[in-house]
């Protein structure tokens, strides 16, 4: 029986997704703080919408990055 090895190419893709997710995890709340501190400005609503979308993107990328890393370590089940 052959032991499974980590697919390094897929692992690197997963780590890149996690890195981008980390950037979004800091950028989203920072933009949200800036938006809430300047509610009287004209760019309040667009900045708040962008911040919320970046926060959602951070969560999505974190889950997809973890899934990709797990696939690189354990492999996908064979599809029929």
C-alpha atoms as a PDB file:
ATOM      1  CA  UNK A   1       0.000   0.000   0.000  1.00  0.00           C
ATOM      2  CA  UNK A   2       1.365   3.348  -1.031  1.00  0.00           C
ATOM      3  CA  UNK A   3       1.392   6.224   1.447  1.00  0.00           C
ATOM      4  CA  UNK A   4      -0.101   9.509   0.324  1.00  0.00           C
ATOM      5  CA  UNK A   5       2.110  12.544   0.058  1.00  0.00           C
ATOM      6  CA  UNK A   6       1.247  16.208   0.194  1.00  0.00           C
ATOM      7  CA  UNK A   7       0.794  17.776  -3.239  1.00  0.00           C
ATOM      8  CA  UNK A   8       3.005  20.831  -2.901  1.00  0.00           C
ATOM      9  CA  UNK A   9       1.466  22.745  -5.825  1.00  0.00           C
ATOM     10  CA  UNK A  10      -2.011  22.551  -4.337  1.00  0.00           C
ATOM     11  CA  UNK A  11      -0.611  23.372  -0.884  1.00  0.00           C
ATOM     12  CA  UNK A  12       0.968  26.572  -2.218  1.00  0.00           C
ATOM     13  CA  UNK A  13      -2.351  27.583  -3.812  1.00  0.00           C
ATOM     14  CA  UNK A  14      -4.091  27.059  -0.475  1.00  0.00           C
ATOM     15  CA  UNK A  15      -1.481  29.084   1.393  1.00  0.00           C
ATOM     16  CA  UNK A  16      -1.855  31.925  -1.121  1.00  0.00           C
ATOM     17  CA  UNK A  17      -5.605  31.937  -0.522  1.00  0.00           C
ATOM     18  CA  UNK A  18      -5.019  32.016   3.220  1.00  0.00           C
ATOM     19  CA  UNK A  19      -2.556  34.896   2.840  1.00  0.00           C
ATOM     20  CA  UNK A  20      -5.019  36.929   0.799  1.00  0.00           C
ATOM     21  CA  UNK A  21      -7.691  36.098   3.360  1.00  0.00           C
ATOM     22  CA  UNK A  22      -5.436  37.430   6.116  1.00  0.00           C
ATOM     23  CA  UNK A  23      -5.008  40.710   4.230  1.00  0.00           C
ATOM     24  CA  UNK A  24      -8.787  40.976   3.807  1.00  0.00           C
ATOM     25  CA  UNK A  25      -9.299  40.210   7.518  1.00  0.00           C
ATOM     26  CA  UNK A  26      -7.388  43.369   8.396  1.00  0.00           C
ATOM     27  CA  UNK A  27      -8.512  45.545   5.493  1.00  0.00           C
ATOM     28  CA  UNK A  28     -12.274  44.969   5.887  1.00  0.00           C
ATOM     29  CA  UNK A  29     -12.635  45.980   9.553  1.00  0.00           C
ATOM     30  CA  UNK A  30     -10.222  48.899   9.051  1.00  0.00           C
ATOM     31  CA  UNK A  31     -12.347  50.263   6.224  1.00  0.00           C
ATOM     32  CA  UNK A  32     -15.468  49.678   8.301  1.00  0.00           C
ATOM     33  CA  UNK A  33     -13.983  51.676  11.183  1.00  0.00           C
ATOM     34  CA  UNK A  34     -13.081  54.503   8.808  1.00  0.00           C
ATOM     35  CA  UNK A  35     -16.593  54.482   7.347  1.00  0.00           C
ATOM     36  CA  UNK A  36     -18.277  54.611  10.758  1.00  0.00           C
ATOM     37  CA  UNK A  37     -16.016  57.389  11.981  1.00  0.00           C
ATOM     38  CA  UNK A  38     -16.890  59.581   8.955  1.00  0.00           C
ATOM     39  CA  UNK A  39     -20.650  59.195   8.686  1.00  0.00           C
ATOM     40  CA  UNK A  40     -21.177  62.771   7.537  1.00  0.00           C
ATOM     41  CA  UNK A  41     -18.978  62.325   4.421  1.00  0.00           C
ATOM     42  CA  UNK A  42     -20.433  61.545   1.001  1.00  0.00           C
ATOM     43  CA  UNK A  43     -18.459  58.298   0.610  1.00  0.00           C
ATOM     44  CA  UNK A  44     -19.910  56.756   3.788  1.00  0.00           C
ATOM     45  CA  UNK A  45     -22.299  54.299   2.085  1.00  0.00           C
ATOM     46  CA  UNK A  46     -19.947  53.106  -0.716  1.00  0.00           C
ATOM     47  CA  UNK A  47     -17.083  52.653   1.746  1.00  0.00           C
ATOM     48  CA  UNK A  48     -19.300  50.724   4.143  1.00  0.00           C
ATOM     49  CA  UNK A  49     -20.538  48.456   1.351  1.00  0.00           C
ATOM     50  CA  UNK A  50     -16.965  47.815   0.192  1.00  0.00           C
ATOM     51  CA  UNK A  51     -15.893  47.018   3.765  1.00  0.00           C
ATOM     52  CA  UNK A  52     -18.729  44.523   4.239  1.00  0.00           C
ATOM     53  CA  UNK A  53     -17.932  42.826   0.927  1.00  0.00           C
ATOM     54  CA  UNK A  54     -14.250  42.565   1.854  1.00  0.00           C
ATOM     55  CA  UNK A  55     -15.190  40.988   5.218  1.00  0.00           C
ATOM     56  CA  UNK A  56     -17.380  38.435   3.439  1.00  0.00           C
ATOM     57  CA  UNK A  57     -14.570  37.757   0.957  1.00  0.00           C
ATOM     58  CA  UNK A  58     -12.158  37.160   3.856  1.00  0.00           C
ATOM     59  CA  UNK A  59     -14.389  34.477   5.376  1.00  0.00           C
ATOM     60  CA  UNK A  60     -14.965  32.841   1.986  1.00  0.00           C
ATOM     61  CA  UNK A  61     -11.246  32.772   1.158  1.00  0.00           C
ATOM     62  CA  UNK A  62     -10.411  31.358   4.588  1.00  0.00           C
ATOM     63  CA  UNK A  63     -12.787  28.431   4.089  1.00  0.00           C
ATOM     64  CA  UNK A  64     -11.632  27.827   0.512  1.00  0.00           C
ATOM     65  CA  UNK A  65      -7.974  28.055   1.583  1.00  0.00           C
ATOM     66  CA  UNK A  66      -8.480  25.510   4.354  1.00  0.00           C
ATOM     67  CA  UNK A  67     -10.339  23.210   1.972  1.00  0.00           C
ATOM     68  CA  UNK A  68      -7.529  23.472  -0.583  1.00  0.00           C
ATOM     69  CA  UNK A  69      -4.882  22.750   2.052  1.00  0.00           C
ATOM     70  CA  UNK A  70      -6.821  19.712   3.284  1.00  0.00           C
ATOM     71  CA  UNK A  71      -7.193  18.472  -0.305  1.00  0.00           C
ATOM     72  CA  UNK A  72      -3.448  18.778  -0.800  1.00  0.00           C
ATOM     73  CA  UNK A  73      -2.728  16.723   2.310  1.00  0.00           C
ATOM     74  CA  UNK A  74      -5.401  14.067   2.124  1.00  0.00           C
ATOM     75  CA  UNK A  75      -6.331  14.090  -1.556  1.00  0.00           C
ATOM     76  CA  UNK A  76      -9.736  14.259  -3.114  1.00  0.00           C
ATOM     77  CA  UNK A  77     -11.834  11.126  -3.211  1.00  0.00           C
ATOM     78  CA  UNK A  78     -11.886   9.588  -6.684  1.00  0.00           C
ATOM     79  CA  UNK A  79     -14.828  10.872  -8.707  1.00  0.00           C
ATOM     80  CA  UNK A  80     -17.003   8.430 -10.619  1.00  0.00           C
END
